[in-house]
């Protein structure tokens, strides 16, 4: 009997005591606040999902959900198909016997509607080498016209014939903070209208992936999942406002590993507006080359801070030379923009137009100096420029005249640069992007249209002179039929 009382009675009494204790804790707010203190974290906060409203100890509130952001952005993101030339690796001689033959390459990506009348922003690499481009929006397929591209930022603009399209709401990437919630919206692996969430992990990232003559890398880094097919899609804040264009991932496998990168919207839209209005980017330059300030350079130059960029070259006749700036000057500020490295330096300049006046603060031999620069265009002037291009399917390239910086770098007075190459005549001759032709049959090559038409129509012995992208001069003769 005693053993029965012990086995039943004691647990019963313990339960009564526990209930009384719990009742006491519920009635006394002072006790519960102690349990939720820093020493004893609130267990509900630890296990509550980010998709429920949670007020943290410091008063900050997590988002209730990402529904509003998704609703405000998914309809503005499109699916892009790039139809390019045939790939010899995709078929064999047996295909001809069975009637299939070579097939056209199709690659896909994403884009963002930036105007109701059909302008769409995407990545240059999404539409690179495209022969035709299609845009799919809400199950409708449109033929797209390429308005312009910029390899320096990996931005391109398309136009479709449509009206009353859902133009995305625009945010501000300059005010974007590290730690903010963001969503990546796109079409990874052809899975249309996919939304993933993460935070802003870093800003002004440089990962050295962009092409072009003046690569502008100041990426927003995020841990929102970005995969192949997300390129050109939207990075939005929790209001669904566009803050970036998803561009790249850092991955050894080719799929998401936690590191995604987006072009800041303030840069992307400035580039897009230039391409729409002028056909090319109105780049404003100070007439200098700079490098990142490293601990080794700072020690060598006896600098106390690692912020800033070091001037390594002064362009002849450029703005910096005119105001007396010198090699080894350390630029620390442009107007109100603090320069922490090359990324912030390039981003600060990207918002200005040729002719803009900026105040530059820099250190020289330990002394703080200031100078007011009038930024120039790529031709050395101070106005907006609209350079002439010549695009030829037969040549398989776009021809353009060299700019001031290229003339200075390659030590030439004029020339025609080969860009945007596809399969064609010039590739068969051994040329690649970046080659500059200075003479055709000993005649100076200055006008892209004249040079392009001459090459299209010429037959006989052709002599071309110029400079390779690495600065090496070349002279080559060909027999052309």
Protein backbone atom coordinates (compact mmCIF):
# COMPACT_ATOMS: atom_id res chain seq x y z
CA UNK A 1 0.00 0.00 0.00
CA UNK A 2 2.81 2.36 0.91
CA UNK A 3 4.51 1.67 -2.39
CA UNK A 4 1.24 2.44 -4.23
CA UNK A 5 0.94 5.79 -2.47
CA UNK A 6 4.51 6.61 -3.38
CA UNK A 7 4.06 5.69 -7.01
CA UNK A 8 0.78 7.57 -7.50
CA UNK A 9 0.58 10.19 -4.79
CA UNK A 10 3.99 11.79 -5.10
CA UNK A 11 3.72 12.48 -8.88
CA UNK A 12 0.21 13.83 -8.25
CA UNK A 13 1.44 16.25 -5.59
CA UNK A 14 4.33 17.31 -7.86
CA UNK A 15 1.85 18.10 -10.64
CA UNK A 16 -0.27 20.24 -8.28
CA UNK A 17 2.84 22.15 -7.21
CA UNK A 18 3.93 22.70 -10.81
CA UNK A 19 0.50 24.03 -11.83
CA UNK A 20 0.51 26.45 -8.91
CA UNK A 21 3.95 27.68 -9.85
CA UNK A 22 2.89 28.23 -13.49
CA UNK A 23 -0.23 30.08 -12.36
CA UNK A 24 1.93 32.34 -10.22
CA UNK A 25 4.24 33.11 -13.15
CA UNK A 26 1.31 33.96 -15.44
CA UNK A 27 -0.16 36.38 -12.87
CA UNK A 28 3.12 38.20 -12.12
CA UNK A 29 4.36 40.23 -15.11
CA UNK A 30 7.58 41.08 -13.34
CA UNK A 31 8.54 37.43 -13.24
CA UNK A 32 7.83 36.84 -16.95
CA UNK A 33 9.88 39.87 -17.99
CA UNK A 34 12.87 38.44 -16.15
CA UNK A 35 12.53 35.15 -17.96
CA UNK A 36 12.45 37.02 -21.29
CA UNK A 37 15.57 39.03 -20.42
CA UNK A 38 18.94 38.88 -22.14
CA UNK A 39 20.14 36.16 -19.80
CA UNK A 40 17.13 33.96 -20.57
CA UNK A 41 16.08 34.57 -24.19
CA UNK A 42 12.41 34.35 -25.06
CA UNK A 43 12.00 30.91 -26.62
CA UNK A 44 9.11 32.07 -28.81
CA UNK A 45 11.40 34.60 -30.50
CA UNK A 46 14.01 31.91 -31.11
CA UNK A 47 11.63 29.55 -32.88
CA UNK A 48 9.24 31.99 -34.56
CA UNK A 49 9.46 32.13 -38.35
CA UNK A 50 10.40 35.42 -40.05
CA UNK A 51 7.00 35.26 -41.72
CA UNK A 52 5.18 36.11 -38.45
CA UNK A 53 5.30 39.52 -36.79
CA UNK A 54 8.01 39.45 -34.12
CA UNK A 55 9.14 42.41 -32.05
CA UNK A 56 12.74 42.07 -30.94
CA UNK A 57 14.22 43.47 -27.73
CA UNK A 58 15.59 46.56 -29.45
CA UNK A 59 12.19 47.47 -30.86
CA UNK A 60 12.87 46.49 -34.48
CA UNK A 61 10.09 44.57 -36.22
CA UNK A 62 10.64 41.81 -38.75
CA UNK A 63 8.42 41.83 -41.87
CA UNK A 64 5.00 40.26 -41.47
CA UNK A 65 5.45 38.50 -44.81
CA UNK A 66 6.86 38.93 -48.30
CA UNK A 67 3.45 38.70 -49.95
CA UNK A 68 3.20 42.44 -50.70
CA UNK A 69 6.71 42.55 -52.18
CA UNK A 70 5.98 39.52 -54.35
CA UNK A 71 2.66 40.90 -55.58
CA UNK A 72 4.25 44.24 -56.45
CA UNK A 73 7.12 42.76 -58.44
CA UNK A 74 6.42 39.37 -60.04
CA UNK A 75 4.14 40.75 -62.76
CA UNK A 76 6.90 43.14 -63.84
CA UNK A 77 9.49 40.38 -64.41
CA UNK A 78 9.57 38.69 -67.82
CA UNK A 79 11.03 35.51 -69.31
CA UNK A 80 13.59 36.06 -72.10
CA UNK A 81 14.58 33.62 -74.85
CA UNK A 82 17.80 34.18 -76.81
CA UNK A 83 17.90 32.38 -80.17
CA UNK A 84 21.47 32.35 -81.49
CA UNK A 85 23.43 30.48 -84.15
CA UNK A 86 23.71 26.74 -84.45
CA UNK A 87 26.08 24.88 -82.15
CA UNK A 88 28.22 22.26 -83.94
CA UNK A 89 28.51 20.32 -80.69
CA UNK A 90 24.74 19.75 -80.66
CA UNK A 91 24.56 17.55 -83.76
CA UNK A 92 26.53 15.05 -85.85
CA UNK A 93 26.61 13.83 -89.44
CA UNK A 94 23.95 11.22 -88.58
CA UNK A 95 21.42 13.99 -87.92
CA UNK A 96 21.41 14.84 -91.62
CA UNK A 97 20.49 11.27 -92.61
CA UNK A 98 17.54 11.27 -90.23
CA UNK A 99 16.34 14.72 -91.27
CA UNK A 100 16.95 16.66 -88.07
CA UNK A 101 20.01 18.69 -89.07
CA UNK A 102 21.61 21.36 -86.92
CA UNK A 103 19.44 22.99 -84.30
CA UNK A 104 19.43 26.57 -83.13
CA UNK A 105 20.79 27.38 -79.68
CA UNK A 106 18.27 28.73 -77.19
CA UNK A 107 19.34 30.29 -73.89
CA UNK A 108 17.04 31.89 -71.35
CA UNK A 109 17.05 34.55 -68.68
CA UNK A 110 14.95 37.23 -67.05
CA UNK A 111 14.15 40.90 -67.54
CA UNK A 112 12.32 43.72 -65.77
CA UNK A 113 9.65 46.00 -67.26
CA UNK A 114 10.71 49.61 -66.62
CA UNK A 115 8.04 51.41 -68.67
CA UNK A 116 4.40 50.82 -69.56
CA UNK A 117 5.15 51.09 -73.28
CA UNK A 118 7.49 48.10 -73.36
CA UNK A 119 11.05 48.97 -72.37
CA UNK A 120 12.72 46.09 -70.53
CA UNK A 121 16.04 46.02 -68.72
CA UNK A 122 18.12 42.84 -68.53
CA UNK A 123 21.74 41.66 -68.55
CA UNK A 124 23.97 41.98 -71.58
CA UNK A 125 25.05 38.35 -71.20
CA UNK A 126 21.40 37.22 -71.36
CA UNK A 127 21.01 38.50 -74.95
CA UNK A 128 24.66 38.22 -76.07
CA UNK A 129 25.07 36.96 -79.67
CA UNK A 130 21.29 36.74 -80.12
CA UNK A 131 19.93 36.52 -83.65
CA UNK A 132 16.36 36.87 -82.43
CA UNK A 133 14.95 37.62 -78.98
CA UNK A 134 11.56 36.71 -77.54
CA UNK A 135 9.95 38.01 -74.37
CA UNK A 136 7.28 36.00 -72.57
CA UNK A 137 4.96 37.92 -70.25
CA UNK A 138 1.82 36.49 -68.71
CA UNK A 139 1.73 33.65 -71.27
CA UNK A 140 2.02 36.08 -74.21
CA UNK A 141 5.11 35.96 -76.42
CA UNK A 142 6.52 39.13 -77.98
CA UNK A 143 9.29 39.70 -80.50
CA UNK A 144 11.85 42.01 -78.88
CA UNK A 145 14.09 44.65 -80.42
CA UNK A 146 17.53 45.22 -78.91
CA UNK A 147 17.79 48.93 -78.02
CA UNK A 148 21.35 48.89 -76.70
CA UNK A 149 23.92 47.15 -74.53
CA UNK A 150 26.69 48.10 -72.13
CA UNK A 151 29.33 45.47 -71.37
CA UNK A 152 30.89 47.70 -68.72
CA UNK A 153 27.89 47.13 -66.43
CA UNK A 154 26.39 44.01 -68.10
CA UNK A 155 23.17 45.93 -68.76
CA UNK A 156 21.01 45.72 -71.90
CA UNK A 157 17.66 47.25 -72.90
CA UNK A 158 14.95 45.59 -75.00
CA UNK A 159 11.72 46.99 -76.48
CA UNK A 160 8.48 45.12 -77.15
CA UNK A 161 5.36 46.51 -78.80
CA UNK A 162 2.82 46.58 -76.01
CA UNK A 163 0.91 49.06 -73.86
CA UNK A 164 -0.23 49.32 -70.25
CA UNK A 165 2.43 46.92 -69.03
CA UNK A 166 3.00 46.62 -65.24
CA UNK A 167 5.99 48.94 -64.80
CA UNK A 168 7.96 48.00 -61.71
CA UNK A 169 8.13 50.40 -58.77
CA UNK A 170 11.58 51.92 -58.41
CA UNK A 171 13.55 51.94 -55.18
CA UNK A 172 16.85 53.52 -54.19
CA UNK A 173 20.03 51.48 -54.02
CA UNK A 174 22.11 54.27 -52.46
CA UNK A 175 19.98 54.18 -49.30
CA UNK A 176 19.88 50.37 -49.21
CA UNK A 177 21.37 49.08 -45.96
CA UNK A 178 23.39 45.95 -45.24
CA UNK A 179 21.07 43.54 -43.42
CA UNK A 180 17.86 44.64 -45.18
CA UNK A 181 15.48 42.01 -46.48
CA UNK A 182 15.45 41.63 -50.27
CA UNK A 183 13.77 39.31 -52.76
CA UNK A 184 15.19 37.93 -56.00
CA UNK A 185 12.53 37.57 -58.69
CA UNK A 186 13.23 35.69 -61.91
CA UNK A 187 13.06 32.47 -63.88
CA UNK A 188 15.75 30.07 -62.59
CA UNK A 189 16.05 26.80 -64.54
CA UNK A 190 13.05 27.95 -66.67
CA UNK A 191 10.86 27.99 -63.54
CA UNK A 192 8.90 31.14 -64.30
CA UNK A 193 8.07 33.80 -61.68
CA UNK A 194 10.14 32.37 -58.87
CA UNK A 195 10.70 34.42 -55.69
CA UNK A 196 13.47 33.83 -53.15
CA UNK A 197 14.26 35.84 -50.02
CA UNK A 198 17.45 36.88 -48.27
CA UNK A 199 19.27 39.93 -46.98
CA UNK A 200 21.75 42.43 -48.34
CA UNK A 201 25.08 40.86 -47.40
CA UNK A 202 27.40 43.61 -48.66
CA UNK A 203 27.61 46.60 -51.01
CA UNK A 204 30.20 47.97 -53.46
CA UNK A 205 31.47 44.44 -54.16
CA UNK A 206 34.05 43.93 -56.92
CA UNK A 207 34.37 40.38 -58.26
CA UNK A 208 36.18 41.10 -61.55
CA UNK A 209 33.77 39.41 -63.94
CA UNK A 210 32.70 42.23 -66.27
CA UNK A 211 34.03 42.85 -69.75
CA UNK A 212 34.17 46.15 -71.61
CA UNK A 213 36.85 48.80 -71.64
CA UNK A 214 35.68 50.51 -68.43
CA UNK A 215 34.10 47.82 -66.22
CA UNK A 216 31.97 49.31 -63.46
CA UNK A 217 31.67 46.88 -60.57
CA UNK A 218 29.92 47.99 -57.42
CA UNK A 219 27.60 45.04 -56.84
CA UNK A 220 25.00 44.51 -54.17
CA UNK A 221 25.75 41.12 -52.59
CA UNK A 222 22.82 39.08 -51.32
CA UNK A 223 22.14 35.62 -49.95
CA UNK A 224 18.75 35.43 -51.67
CA UNK A 225 18.97 32.33 -53.86
CA UNK A 226 20.03 33.25 -57.43
CA UNK A 227 20.52 30.52 -60.03
CA UNK A 228 21.03 30.25 -63.81
CA UNK A 229 17.99 31.92 -65.41
CA UNK A 230 17.72 34.58 -62.67
CA UNK A 231 20.12 36.80 -64.63
CA UNK A 232 18.45 40.07 -65.60
CA UNK A 233 15.70 39.64 -63.03
CA UNK A 234 14.70 41.94 -60.20
CA UNK A 235 16.16 42.38 -56.74
CA UNK A 236 13.46 44.16 -54.72
CA UNK A 237 13.02 45.43 -51.19
CA UNK A 238 10.16 44.39 -48.89
CA UNK A 239 7.88 46.95 -50.58
CA UNK A 240 8.47 45.32 -53.95
CA UNK A 241 10.53 48.27 -55.19
CA UNK A 242 13.39 47.56 -57.59
CA UNK A 243 16.80 47.98 -55.94
CA UNK A 244 19.00 45.93 -58.27
CA UNK A 245 19.29 43.79 -61.42
CA UNK A 246 20.42 40.24 -60.59
CA UNK A 247 23.59 39.53 -62.55
CA UNK A 248 25.93 36.88 -61.18
CA UNK A 249 26.57 34.15 -58.65
CA UNK A 250 29.82 33.06 -57.04
CA UNK A 251 29.83 29.30 -57.34
CA UNK A 252 32.11 26.42 -58.25
CA UNK A 253 29.17 24.22 -59.18
CA UNK A 254 27.33 26.74 -61.37
CA UNK A 255 24.37 26.82 -58.98
CA UNK A 256 23.53 28.89 -55.92
CA UNK A 257 25.94 28.58 -52.97
CA UNK A 258 24.95 31.63 -50.94
CA UNK A 259 26.57 34.43 -52.93
CA UNK A 260 24.53 36.43 -55.44
CA UNK A 261 25.31 39.82 -56.99
CA UNK A 262 23.14 42.55 -58.46
CA UNK A 263 23.81 45.82 -60.30
CA UNK A 264 22.46 48.67 -58.11
CA UNK A 265 19.25 50.07 -59.57
CA UNK A 266 20.53 53.66 -59.53
CA UNK A 267 23.36 52.62 -61.87
CA UNK A 268 21.24 50.25 -63.97
CA UNK A 269 18.50 52.79 -64.69
CA UNK A 270 20.98 55.54 -65.54
CA UNK A 271 22.59 53.17 -68.06
CA UNK A 272 19.18 52.13 -69.43
CA UNK A 273 18.02 55.74 -69.84
CA UNK A 274 21.23 56.60 -71.70
CA UNK A 275 20.80 53.64 -74.06
CA UNK A 276 17.19 54.60 -74.78
CA UNK A 277 17.88 58.30 -75.31
CA UNK A 278 21.34 58.30 -76.90
CA UNK A 279 22.01 54.74 -78.03
CA UNK A 280 25.08 54.57 -75.81
CA UNK A 281 26.13 55.34 -72.24
CA UNK A 282 27.09 58.92 -71.48
CA UNK A 283 30.13 58.08 -69.40
CA UNK A 284 31.68 60.95 -67.45
CA UNK A 285 35.42 60.61 -66.85
CA UNK A 286 37.89 62.59 -64.69
CA UNK A 287 40.87 61.66 -66.87
CA UNK A 288 42.65 59.33 -64.47
CA UNK A 289 43.26 55.64 -63.79
CA UNK A 290 43.10 54.42 -60.19
CA UNK A 291 43.79 51.27 -58.16
CA UNK A 292 42.55 49.98 -54.82
CA UNK A 293 44.49 51.07 -51.74
CA UNK A 294 46.05 47.97 -50.15
CA UNK A 295 47.75 47.65 -46.74
CA UNK A 296 51.11 47.28 -48.49
CA UNK A 297 50.62 50.45 -50.54
CA UNK A 298 49.35 52.33 -47.49
CA UNK A 299 52.45 51.36 -45.53
CA UNK A 300 54.74 52.30 -48.40
CA UNK A 301 53.02 55.69 -48.81
CA UNK A 302 52.81 56.20 -45.01
CA UNK A 303 49.00 56.50 -45.03
CA UNK A 304 46.99 56.01 -41.85
CA UNK A 305 43.76 54.91 -43.54
CA UNK A 306 42.94 52.23 -46.12
CA UNK A 307 40.04 54.26 -47.54
CA UNK A 308 40.46 55.81 -50.97
CA UNK A 309 41.98 55.01 -54.36
CA UNK A 310 45.45 55.79 -55.71
CA UNK A 311 45.91 57.67 -59.00
CA UNK A 312 48.18 55.62 -61.27
CA UNK A 313 47.85 57.49 -64.57
CA UNK A 314 46.88 60.99 -65.71
CA UNK A 315 45.22 61.21 -69.14
CA UNK A 316 46.85 63.69 -71.48
CA UNK A 317 44.61 66.75 -71.85
CA UNK A 318 42.11 65.35 -69.34
CA UNK A 319 40.28 67.15 -66.54
CA UNK A 320 42.62 65.93 -63.80
CA UNK A 321 45.72 67.13 -65.66
CA UNK A 322 44.15 70.57 -66.15
CA UNK A 323 43.69 71.09 -62.39
CA UNK A 324 47.13 69.79 -61.48
CA UNK A 325 46.36 66.36 -60.06
CA UNK A 326 49.32 63.99 -60.02
CA UNK A 327 50.19 60.33 -59.97
CA UNK A 328 50.04 58.84 -56.41
CA UNK A 329 47.38 61.29 -55.24
CA UNK A 330 44.92 59.41 -52.98
CA UNK A 331 41.29 60.32 -53.69
CA UNK A 332 39.11 60.07 -50.57
CA UNK A 333 35.93 61.95 -51.54
CA UNK A 334 33.91 63.03 -54.61
CA UNK A 335 31.35 65.68 -53.66
CA UNK A 336 29.51 64.15 -50.66
CA UNK A 337 30.43 60.57 -51.58
CA UNK A 338 33.10 59.01 -49.37
CA UNK A 339 35.50 56.89 -51.43
CA UNK A 340 36.27 53.65 -49.61
CA UNK A 341 37.67 51.76 -52.60
CA UNK A 342 37.52 51.37 -56.36
CA UNK A 343 33.90 50.18 -56.25
CA UNK A 344 32.66 53.34 -54.54
CA UNK A 345 34.88 55.49 -56.80
CA UNK A 346 33.35 54.03 -59.97
CA UNK A 347 29.83 54.14 -58.56
CA UNK A 348 30.15 57.78 -57.54
CA UNK A 349 31.23 58.80 -61.05
CA UNK A 350 28.54 56.70 -62.73
CA UNK A 351 25.75 59.07 -61.66
CA UNK A 352 27.24 62.11 -63.41
CA UNK A 353 27.13 63.27 -67.03
CA UNK A 354 29.86 64.88 -69.14
CA UNK A 355 30.10 68.55 -68.23
CA UNK A 356 29.23 67.95 -64.56
CA UNK A 357 31.45 69.75 -62.05
CA UNK A 358 32.58 67.73 -59.03
CA UNK A 359 34.74 68.53 -56.04
CA UNK A 360 37.47 65.97 -55.42
CA UNK A 361 39.27 65.64 -52.08
CA UNK A 362 42.63 63.88 -52.12
CA UNK A 363 45.75 63.38 -50.06
CA UNK A 364 49.20 64.28 -51.36
CA UNK A 365 52.27 63.71 -49.21
CA UNK A 366 50.10 63.73 -46.09
CA UNK A 367 48.33 66.99 -46.96
CA UNK A 368 44.61 67.28 -47.75
CA UNK A 369 43.86 69.02 -51.04
CA UNK A 370 40.74 69.75 -53.07
CA UNK A 371 40.15 70.34 -56.77
CA UNK A 372 37.08 71.01 -58.88
CA UNK A 373 36.94 68.86 -62.01
CA UNK A 374 34.72 69.30 -65.03
CA UNK A 375 34.04 65.73 -66.13
CA UNK A 376 34.57 64.90 -69.79
CA UNK A 377 33.04 62.49 -72.26
CA UNK A 378 34.94 59.69 -73.98
CA UNK A 379 35.81 62.00 -76.88
CA UNK A 380 37.46 64.52 -74.57
CA UNK A 381 34.62 67.07 -74.71
CA UNK A 382 32.14 68.15 -72.08
CA UNK A 383 28.85 67.55 -73.89
CA UNK A 384 26.73 64.50 -74.51
CA UNK A 385 27.91 62.35 -77.40
CA UNK A 386 26.18 60.07 -79.84
CA UNK A 387 28.80 58.07 -81.68
CA UNK A 388 28.15 56.45 -85.01
CA UNK A 389 28.22 52.67 -85.31
CA UNK A 390 28.17 50.29 -88.22
CA UNK A 391 26.69 46.85 -87.65
CA UNK A 392 27.15 44.18 -90.31
CA UNK A 393 25.83 40.63 -90.42
CA UNK A 394 28.28 39.82 -93.22
CA UNK A 395 31.26 41.07 -91.20
CA UNK A 396 29.80 39.53 -88.05
CA UNK A 397 30.62 42.55 -85.90
CA UNK A 398 29.83 46.09 -84.86
CA UNK A 399 32.39 48.75 -85.81
CA UNK A 400 32.87 51.96 -83.82
CA UNK A 401 35.46 54.71 -83.70
CA UNK A 402 37.99 54.59 -80.84
CA UNK A 403 37.47 57.03 -77.99
CA UNK A 404 39.90 59.36 -76.25
CA UNK A 405 40.93 56.91 -73.53
CA UNK A 406 41.56 54.15 -76.08
CA UNK A 407 43.65 56.51 -78.19
CA UNK A 408 45.74 57.34 -75.15
CA UNK A 409 46.11 53.70 -74.07
CA UNK A 410 46.90 52.30 -77.53
CA UNK A 411 48.98 55.31 -78.64
CA UNK A 412 46.95 55.87 -81.83
CA UNK A 413 45.40 59.03 -83.30
CA UNK A 414 42.36 57.30 -84.83
CA UNK A 415 40.97 53.86 -85.61
CA UNK A 416 37.94 51.58 -85.93
CA UNK A 417 37.32 49.16 -83.06
CA UNK A 418 35.74 45.74 -83.61
CA UNK A 419 33.05 44.85 -81.04
CA UNK A 420 30.07 42.51 -80.52
CA UNK A 421 31.49 39.81 -82.76
CA UNK A 422 29.46 36.87 -84.02
CA UNK A 423 30.27 34.31 -86.71
CA UNK A 424 31.27 36.20 -89.84
CA UNK A 425 33.90 37.52 -92.19
CA UNK A 426 36.13 39.25 -89.59
CA UNK A 427 36.16 36.25 -87.26
CA UNK A 428 37.23 34.06 -90.20
CA UNK A 429 40.16 36.44 -90.74
CA UNK A 430 41.26 35.85 -87.14
CA UNK A 431 39.95 39.00 -85.44
CA UNK A 432 38.33 39.16 -82.01
CA UNK A 433 36.56 41.81 -79.91
CA UNK A 434 38.80 44.77 -79.10
CA UNK A 435 41.01 44.80 -82.19
CA UNK A 436 41.47 48.29 -83.63
CA UNK A 437 41.99 48.77 -87.38
CA UNK A 438 43.89 51.96 -88.18
CA UNK A 439 44.50 51.45 -91.94
CA UNK A 440 42.72 49.53 -94.69
CA UNK A 441 44.91 49.14 -97.78
CA UNK A 442 47.07 51.95 -96.35
CA UNK A 443 44.06 54.31 -96.15
CA UNK A 444 43.36 55.75 -92.64
CA UNK A 445 40.30 54.11 -91.05
CA UNK A 446 38.32 56.80 -89.22
CA UNK A 447 34.64 56.43 -90.13
CA UNK A 448 32.91 53.14 -89.10
CA UNK A 449 30.32 53.31 -91.88
CA UNK A 450 32.82 53.97 -94.65
CA UNK A 451 35.20 51.30 -93.37
CA UNK A 452 32.40 48.76 -92.89
CA UNK A 453 30.89 49.17 -96.34
CA UNK A 454 34.33 49.05 -97.94
CA UNK A 455 35.10 45.73 -96.23
CA UNK A 456 31.70 44.29 -97.19
CA UNK A 457 32.17 45.06 -100.89
CA UNK A 458 35.93 44.59 -101.34
CA UNK A 459 37.50 41.67 -103.18
CA UNK A 460 41.17 41.18 -103.98
CA UNK A 461 44.28 41.61 -101.85
CA UNK A 462 43.37 43.21 -98.55
CA UNK A 463 45.91 44.75 -96.19
CA UNK A 464 44.85 45.62 -92.64
CA UNK A 465 46.93 47.45 -90.02
CA UNK A 466 46.15 48.26 -86.44
CA UNK A 467 46.57 47.38 -82.79
CA UNK A 468 45.55 44.26 -80.87
CA UNK A 469 43.72 44.61 -77.51
CA UNK A 470 47.03 44.06 -75.67
CA UNK A 471 48.60 47.03 -77.49
CA UNK A 472 50.64 44.92 -79.91
CA UNK A 473 50.73 46.41 -83.46
CA UNK A 474 49.77 44.15 -86.35
CA UNK A 475 49.87 44.25 -90.15
CA UNK A 476 48.31 41.42 -92.15
CA UNK A 477 47.47 40.76 -95.82
CA UNK A 478 44.62 38.58 -97.07
CA UNK A 479 43.29 37.37 -100.40
CA UNK A 480 39.56 38.13 -100.36
CA UNK A 481 37.08 36.88 -102.95
